[in-house]
Amino acid sequence: MVVLARMTDYGMLSSGLSSFHPLTRNPWDLSKNPGGSSAGAGAAAAAGYGPLHVGTDIGGSIRLPAGWCGVFGLKPSFGRVPVHPPYWGRVAGPMTRTVADAALAMRELSRPDARDGMSLPPADLDWAAPQCDLRGVRVGLQLDAGIGMAVLAEVRACIEAAARLLESAGAIVAPVAPFLTRAMLDGLDIFWRQRAWADIAPLSDDERGRILPYILRWAEGGRDLSGAAVYGGLSQMAIIRDATLAATAPYDLVLSPVSPVPAYPAELASPTNDPERPFEHICFTVPYNFSEQPAASINAGYTEAGLPIGLQMAGRRFDDIGVLAAAAAFEAMRGVQRPWPAY
């Protein structure tokens, strides 16, 4: 079965809001947001519309809805899944209820396509039933991104519990210090605003009036940027890459929250709902887009209110199989999955 699911305007919100389609809600609590931009895929997977769903991710748009909707989402290594057109940091990957289903999807998604000139060389990887012995695996634990929203106490406790579970299976866990800076995040904001404005500027006033107001206000911030400012913002992608690779180099796997907070009110455009502070919730996810490392979101538990909490598991560049295997091991240890929402 193929389900065509919606996303937000220009793919630039971690939200289920859209100017084109009625609001997408979180199946675990219809008053909450599923996240985005792959909102439809995350909500559809949690609600059981089908077993295999595909999202795209340039800053967290697979992992955030996967985390908030309690499903598994894999942002593969950059170039592992061909995309058209290719773009810095942009990947496509599976969103499913189980790790095994995501591995099955990757067997097909990772097939080569010559239209993506940034894709990885074809590789004969064994996507079937990855297994992992956690004994001796070096695991970094990052609980503070250094900037952005503070990690909610019950989210932090859940991620710490996940780390202890891996440690009990023989993993060697050590803390990872913050490595993302305000200059890095603000640089991305500058560049992405101008990129969005470049798409929006040629539109008529009537066409612009149909855009989600939050998105339009945010993109208008790119209207008068200088070439030097835009270039400086673009340069932060390489700076993020180098900082992330350096910080994670000692580890086979890095654990962190997917988001510092659980799912937020459905009607909001982002957890802050402020277009001047649009990326405060992506500080754990966005580094791995530009370091090109595989990173997954897997449900690690629930808040007191019953909302899923996503655990991010990031691996070394190109080690997609290793991330899937570690996620499968955690999935087997984490305890009983709560009954899925029924619709």
Protein backbone atom coordinates (compact mmCIF):
# COMPACT_ATOMS: atom_id res chain seq x y z
CA MET A 1 0.00 0.00 0.00
CA VAL A 2 1.25 3.50 -0.85
CA VAL A 3 0.11 6.40 1.32
CA LEU A 4 0.83 9.90 0.05
CA ALA A 5 1.33 12.01 3.18
CA ARG A 6 1.66 15.75 3.56
CA MET A 7 4.37 18.06 4.81
CA THR A 8 4.60 21.74 5.60
CA ASP A 9 5.28 24.63 3.21
CA TYR A 10 8.70 24.37 1.54
CA GLY A 11 9.57 21.55 3.95
CA MET A 12 10.85 24.15 6.41
CA LEU A 13 8.97 23.44 9.64
CA SER A 14 9.24 20.77 12.32
CA SER A 15 5.47 20.85 12.38
CA GLY A 16 2.26 19.41 10.97
CA LEU A 17 1.08 22.86 9.89
CA SER A 18 0.48 23.51 6.20
CA SER A 19 -1.22 26.14 4.07
CA PHE A 20 -2.41 23.46 1.65
CA HIS A 21 -3.81 20.69 3.84
CA PRO A 22 -5.65 20.59 7.17
CA LEU A 23 -3.46 20.30 10.23
CA THR A 24 -1.74 16.93 10.75
CA ARG A 25 -1.98 15.78 14.37
CA ASN A 26 -0.03 13.36 16.53
CA PRO A 27 -1.81 9.98 16.81
CA TRP A 28 -0.68 9.55 20.42
CA ASP A 29 -2.47 12.75 21.44
CA LEU A 30 -4.50 14.67 18.87
CA SER A 31 -3.88 17.93 20.73
CA LYS A 32 -0.16 17.56 19.97
CA ASN A 33 2.00 18.09 16.90
CA PRO A 34 3.56 15.15 15.01
CA GLY A 35 6.61 17.24 14.10
CA GLY A 36 7.95 17.66 10.61
CA SER A 37 8.71 18.32 7.98
CA SER A 38 7.91 14.65 7.33
CA ALA A 39 4.76 15.07 9.42
CA GLY A 40 2.51 12.89 7.32
CA ALA A 41 4.95 9.99 7.23
CA GLY A 42 5.50 10.04 11.00
CA ALA A 43 1.80 10.30 11.83
CA ALA A 44 0.88 7.64 9.25
CA ALA A 45 3.44 5.19 10.64
CA ALA A 46 2.22 5.68 14.22
CA ALA A 47 -1.43 5.38 13.17
CA GLY A 48 -0.79 2.21 11.16
CA TYR A 49 -1.61 3.49 7.68
CA GLY A 50 1.08 1.18 6.28
CA PRO A 51 4.32 -0.54 7.29
CA LEU A 52 6.83 1.49 5.27
CA HIS A 53 7.04 5.27 5.01
CA VAL A 54 9.71 7.60 3.65
CA GLY A 55 10.75 10.99 4.97
CA THR A 56 13.36 13.55 3.98
CA ASP A 57 15.73 15.26 6.39
CA ILE A 58 17.97 18.32 6.14
CA GLY A 59 18.03 19.26 9.83
CA GLY A 60 15.96 16.63 11.63
CA SER A 61 12.87 16.17 9.49
CA ILE A 62 12.93 12.36 9.70
CA ARG A 63 14.13 12.05 13.29
CA LEU A 64 11.95 14.74 14.88
CA PRO A 65 8.58 13.39 13.72
CA ALA A 66 9.82 9.85 14.35
CA GLY A 67 10.74 10.82 17.92
CA TRP A 68 7.53 12.69 18.65
CA CYS A 69 5.37 9.98 17.02
CA GLY A 70 7.16 7.09 18.73
CA VAL A 71 8.30 5.37 15.52
CA PHE A 72 11.72 4.44 14.18
CA GLY A 73 13.34 6.80 11.69
CA LEU A 74 16.71 6.49 10.00
CA LYS A 75 18.59 9.43 8.50
CA PRO A 76 21.11 7.46 6.46
CA SER A 77 24.64 8.52 5.66
CA PHE A 78 24.57 11.40 3.19
CA GLY A 79 24.36 9.95 -0.30
CA ARG A 80 23.34 6.45 0.82
CA VAL A 81 19.84 6.94 -0.60
CA PRO A 82 19.86 8.82 -3.92
CA VAL A 83 17.73 11.97 -3.96
CA HIS A 84 16.79 14.24 -6.83
CA PRO A 85 17.76 16.99 -6.81
CA PRO A 86 20.65 16.47 -4.35
CA TYR A 87 21.48 19.21 -1.87
CA TRP A 88 23.84 19.78 1.05
CA GLY A 89 22.69 17.75 4.04
CA ARG A 90 19.53 16.46 2.34
CA VAL A 91 18.76 12.78 2.78
CA ALA A 92 15.80 10.45 2.43
CA GLY A 93 15.16 7.54 4.74
CA PRO A 94 12.60 5.14 6.18
CA MET A 95 10.09 5.78 8.96
CA THR A 96 8.59 2.58 10.35
CA ARG A 97 7.29 0.99 13.52
CA THR A 98 10.25 -1.39 13.83
CA VAL A 99 13.96 -1.40 13.06
CA ALA A 100 13.57 -4.54 10.94
CA ASP A 101 11.04 -2.80 8.68
CA ALA A 102 13.41 0.15 8.24
CA ALA A 103 16.21 -2.22 7.27
CA LEU A 104 13.90 -3.85 4.72
CA ALA A 105 13.06 -0.44 3.27
CA MET A 106 16.75 0.51 3.05
CA ARG A 107 17.42 -2.53 0.87
CA GLU A 108 15.31 -0.87 -1.81
CA LEU A 109 15.88 2.82 -1.07
CA SER A 110 19.68 2.52 -1.27
CA ARG A 111 19.73 1.22 -4.83
CA PRO A 112 21.80 3.49 -7.11
CA ASP A 113 20.35 6.26 -9.25
CA ALA A 114 22.65 8.16 -11.59
CA ARG A 115 20.58 11.35 -11.30
CA ASP A 116 22.10 12.01 -7.86
CA GLY A 117 25.64 13.20 -8.54
CA MET A 118 26.32 13.46 -4.79
CA SER A 119 25.35 9.88 -3.94
CA LEU A 120 27.73 7.30 -2.51
CA PRO A 121 29.19 4.56 -4.70
CA PRO A 122 26.91 1.52 -4.90
CA ALA A 123 27.58 -0.83 -2.00
CA ASP A 124 26.54 -4.42 -1.43
CA LEU A 125 25.36 -4.07 2.17
CA ASP A 126 23.51 -6.74 4.12
CA TRP A 127 20.38 -4.94 5.27
CA ALA A 128 18.69 -8.12 6.54
CA ALA A 129 18.23 -8.51 10.29
CA PRO A 130 21.27 -6.56 11.53
CA GLN A 131 22.62 -7.80 14.86
CA CYS A 132 24.93 -6.13 17.35
CA ASP A 133 26.99 -7.31 20.29
CA LEU A 134 27.24 -4.22 22.49
CA ARG A 135 30.16 -5.51 24.55
CA GLY A 136 33.05 -3.09 24.18
CA VAL A 137 31.15 -0.68 21.95
CA ARG A 138 32.24 2.88 22.72
CA VAL A 139 29.16 5.00 23.32
CA GLY A 140 29.11 8.76 23.78
CA LEU A 141 26.26 10.32 25.74
CA GLN A 142 25.35 13.92 24.95
CA LEU A 143 22.70 15.50 27.14
CA ASP A 144 23.51 19.16 26.49
CA ALA A 145 23.67 20.61 22.98
CA GLY A 146 25.25 23.79 24.32
CA ILE A 147 22.64 26.05 22.74
CA GLY A 148 18.94 25.94 22.00
CA MET A 149 16.10 24.81 24.22
CA ALA A 150 16.93 23.23 27.57
CA VAL A 151 16.38 19.49 27.80
CA LEU A 152 13.24 18.77 29.81
CA ALA A 153 13.93 16.78 32.98
CA GLU A 154 11.85 13.73 32.04
CA VAL A 155 13.43 13.66 28.57
CA ARG A 156 16.90 13.74 30.12
CA ALA A 157 16.00 10.96 32.58
CA CYS A 158 14.71 8.77 29.75
CA ILE A 159 17.88 9.18 27.67
CA GLU A 160 20.07 8.52 30.72
CA ALA A 161 18.08 5.32 31.33
CA ALA A 162 18.67 4.25 27.72
CA ALA A 163 22.42 4.79 28.16
CA ARG A 164 22.41 2.68 31.33
CA LEU A 165 20.61 -0.08 29.45
CA LEU A 166 23.31 -0.17 26.77
CA GLU A 167 25.96 -0.03 29.50
CA SER A 168 24.39 -3.06 31.19
CA ALA A 169 24.84 -4.93 27.90
CA GLY A 170 28.57 -4.19 27.91
CA ALA A 171 28.83 -0.84 26.14
CA ILE A 172 31.40 1.65 27.44
CA VAL A 173 29.57 4.94 27.98
CA ALA A 174 31.28 8.33 28.31
CA PRO A 175 29.95 11.90 28.20
CA VAL A 176 30.15 14.05 25.05
CA ALA A 177 30.60 17.78 25.59
CA PRO A 178 28.54 20.32 23.62
CA PHE A 179 30.04 21.23 20.24
CA LEU A 180 27.37 23.23 18.39
CA THR A 181 27.69 27.01 18.76
CA ARG A 182 25.39 29.95 18.30
CA ALA A 183 27.41 31.10 15.30
CA MET A 184 26.87 27.75 13.61
CA LEU A 185 23.12 27.70 14.18
CA ASP A 186 22.63 31.35 13.27
CA GLY A 187 24.70 30.85 10.12
CA LEU A 188 22.37 28.09 9.00
CA ASP A 189 19.39 30.31 9.75
CA ILE A 190 20.83 33.11 7.60
CA PHE A 191 21.59 30.84 4.67
CA TRP A 192 18.28 28.94 4.78
CA ARG A 193 16.27 32.16 5.04
CA GLN A 194 17.91 33.51 1.91
CA ARG A 195 17.48 30.16 0.16
CA ALA A 196 13.76 30.22 0.98
CA TRP A 197 13.43 33.86 -0.05
CA ALA A 198 15.06 33.07 -3.39
CA ASP A 199 12.16 30.68 -4.05
CA ILE A 200 9.49 33.04 -2.75
CA ALA A 201 10.68 36.38 -4.18
CA PRO A 202 9.54 35.68 -7.78
CA LEU A 203 5.97 34.92 -6.65
CA SER A 204 3.14 37.41 -7.04
CA ASP A 205 1.66 39.09 -3.97
CA ASP A 206 -1.37 36.81 -4.27
CA GLU A 207 0.81 33.71 -4.36
CA ARG A 208 2.85 34.88 -1.39
CA GLY A 209 -0.38 35.48 0.49
CA ARG A 210 -1.13 31.76 0.33
CA ILE A 211 2.09 30.81 2.14
CA LEU A 212 1.90 29.89 5.80
CA PRO A 213 2.43 33.25 7.60
CA TYR A 214 5.16 31.84 9.86
CA ILE A 215 7.16 30.61 6.87
CA LEU A 216 6.70 33.85 4.94
CA ARG A 217 7.81 35.98 7.88
CA TRP A 218 10.84 33.78 8.43
CA ALA A 219 11.83 33.78 4.75
CA GLU A 220 11.47 37.56 4.50
CA GLY A 221 14.44 37.75 6.85
CA GLY A 222 16.54 36.76 3.86
CA ARG A 223 15.30 39.59 1.66
CA ASP A 224 18.06 42.13 2.33
CA LEU A 225 20.99 39.94 3.31
CA SER A 226 24.35 40.81 1.75
CA GLY A 227 26.33 38.34 -0.30
CA ALA A 228 28.96 38.26 2.43
CA ALA A 229 26.35 37.38 5.07
CA VAL A 230 24.91 34.59 2.96
CA TYR A 231 28.36 33.20 2.17
CA GLY A 232 29.22 33.33 5.86
CA GLY A 233 26.07 31.37 6.66
CA LEU A 234 26.84 28.80 4.00
CA SER A 235 30.36 28.38 5.40
CA GLN A 236 28.92 27.26 8.73
CA MET A 237 27.88 23.96 7.14
CA ALA A 238 31.54 22.98 6.80
CA ILE A 239 32.31 24.27 10.28
CA ILE A 240 29.47 22.15 11.72
CA ARG A 241 30.76 19.13 9.83
CA ASP A 242 34.28 19.43 11.19
CA ALA A 243 33.14 20.10 14.76
CA THR A 244 30.75 17.15 14.76
CA LEU A 245 33.27 14.72 13.33
CA ALA A 246 35.91 15.82 15.84
CA ALA A 247 33.55 15.57 18.84
CA THR A 248 32.23 12.14 17.91
CA ALA A 249 35.46 10.57 16.64
CA PRO A 250 36.23 8.62 19.86
CA TYR A 251 32.88 6.81 19.74
CA ASP A 252 31.23 4.05 17.74
CA LEU A 253 27.83 5.45 18.68
CA VAL A 254 26.56 8.71 20.18
CA LEU A 255 23.32 8.88 22.15
CA SER A 256 21.30 12.03 22.75
CA PRO A 257 17.72 13.22 22.84
CA VAL A 258 16.19 13.70 19.42
CA SER A 259 14.44 16.77 20.77
CA PRO A 260 14.89 18.54 24.09
CA VAL A 261 11.10 18.52 24.55
CA PRO A 262 8.22 16.13 23.77
CA ALA A 263 5.49 16.86 21.24
CA TYR A 264 4.11 20.39 21.54
CA PRO A 265 0.64 21.89 20.80
CA ALA A 266 -0.64 20.89 17.38
CA GLU A 267 -1.46 24.40 16.21
CA LEU A 268 2.08 25.75 16.66
CA ALA A 269 4.67 26.05 13.90
CA SER A 270 7.56 24.97 16.13
CA PRO A 271 8.19 24.39 19.84
CA THR A 272 9.11 28.08 20.25
CA ASN A 273 6.50 29.24 17.69
CA ASP A 274 8.84 32.14 16.99
CA PRO A 275 10.16 32.67 13.43
CA GLU A 276 13.06 34.66 14.90
CA ARG A 277 14.12 31.59 16.90
CA PRO A 278 13.21 28.82 14.47
CA PHE A 279 15.89 26.20 15.12
CA GLU A 280 16.22 26.08 18.91
CA HIS A 281 14.87 22.51 18.96
CA ILE A 282 17.13 20.96 16.27
CA CYS A 283 20.48 21.35 18.03
CA PHE A 284 20.87 17.60 18.60
CA THR A 285 19.79 16.55 15.10
CA VAL A 286 21.17 19.09 12.62
CA PRO A 287 24.91 18.45 13.19
CA TYR A 288 24.65 14.96 11.67
CA ASN A 289 23.19 16.26 8.43
CA PHE A 290 26.38 18.15 7.68
CA SER A 291 28.80 15.62 9.18
CA GLU A 292 27.09 13.12 6.83
CA GLN A 293 26.84 10.51 9.61
CA PRO A 294 23.91 8.11 9.90
CA ALA A 295 21.58 8.90 12.80
CA ALA A 296 18.38 7.23 13.91
CA SER A 297 15.49 8.05 16.20
CA ILE A 298 14.03 5.23 18.25
CA ASN A 299 11.38 5.40 20.94
CA ALA A 300 13.03 5.21 24.36
CA GLY A 301 10.04 5.72 26.63
CA TYR A 302 7.15 8.02 27.42
CA THR A 303 6.47 11.16 29.39
CA GLU A 304 4.15 11.10 32.37
CA ALA A 305 1.45 12.30 29.97
CA GLY A 306 2.07 9.36 27.64
CA LEU A 307 3.97 11.13 24.87
CA PRO A 308 6.87 9.27 23.19
CA ILE A 309 10.47 10.32 23.85
CA GLY A 310 12.91 9.82 20.99
CA LEU A 311 16.47 8.59 21.52
CA GLN A 312 18.93 9.60 18.80
CA MET A 313 21.62 7.04 17.95
CA ALA A 314 24.33 8.43 15.64
CA GLY A 315 27.10 6.34 14.13
CA ARG A 316 30.30 6.78 12.20
CA ARG A 317 30.16 7.95 8.60
CA PHE A 318 28.93 5.21 6.26
CA ASP A 319 28.10 2.83 9.14
CA ASP A 320 24.36 2.67 8.48
CA ILE A 321 24.33 -1.05 9.22
CA GLY A 322 25.98 -0.42 12.59
CA VAL A 323 23.36 2.15 13.57
CA LEU A 324 20.54 -0.20 12.56
CA ALA A 325 22.15 -3.05 14.49
CA ALA A 326 22.59 -0.98 17.66
CA ALA A 327 19.01 0.27 17.35
CA ALA A 328 17.77 -3.30 16.97
CA ALA A 329 19.68 -4.31 20.09
CA PHE A 330 18.18 -1.42 22.04
CA GLU A 331 14.71 -2.20 20.67
CA ALA A 332 15.01 -5.75 22.04
CA MET A 333 16.09 -4.51 25.48
CA ARG A 334 13.91 -1.48 26.05
CA GLY A 335 10.81 -3.31 27.27
CA VAL A 336 7.28 -3.71 25.99
CA GLN A 337 6.07 -1.26 23.36
CA ARG A 338 2.84 0.43 24.42
CA PRO A 339 -0.17 -0.37 22.23
CA TRP A 340 -0.15 1.75 19.09
CA PRO A 341 -2.88 4.35 18.64
CA ALA A 342 -5.93 2.81 16.95
CA TYR A 343 -7.73 4.69 14.15
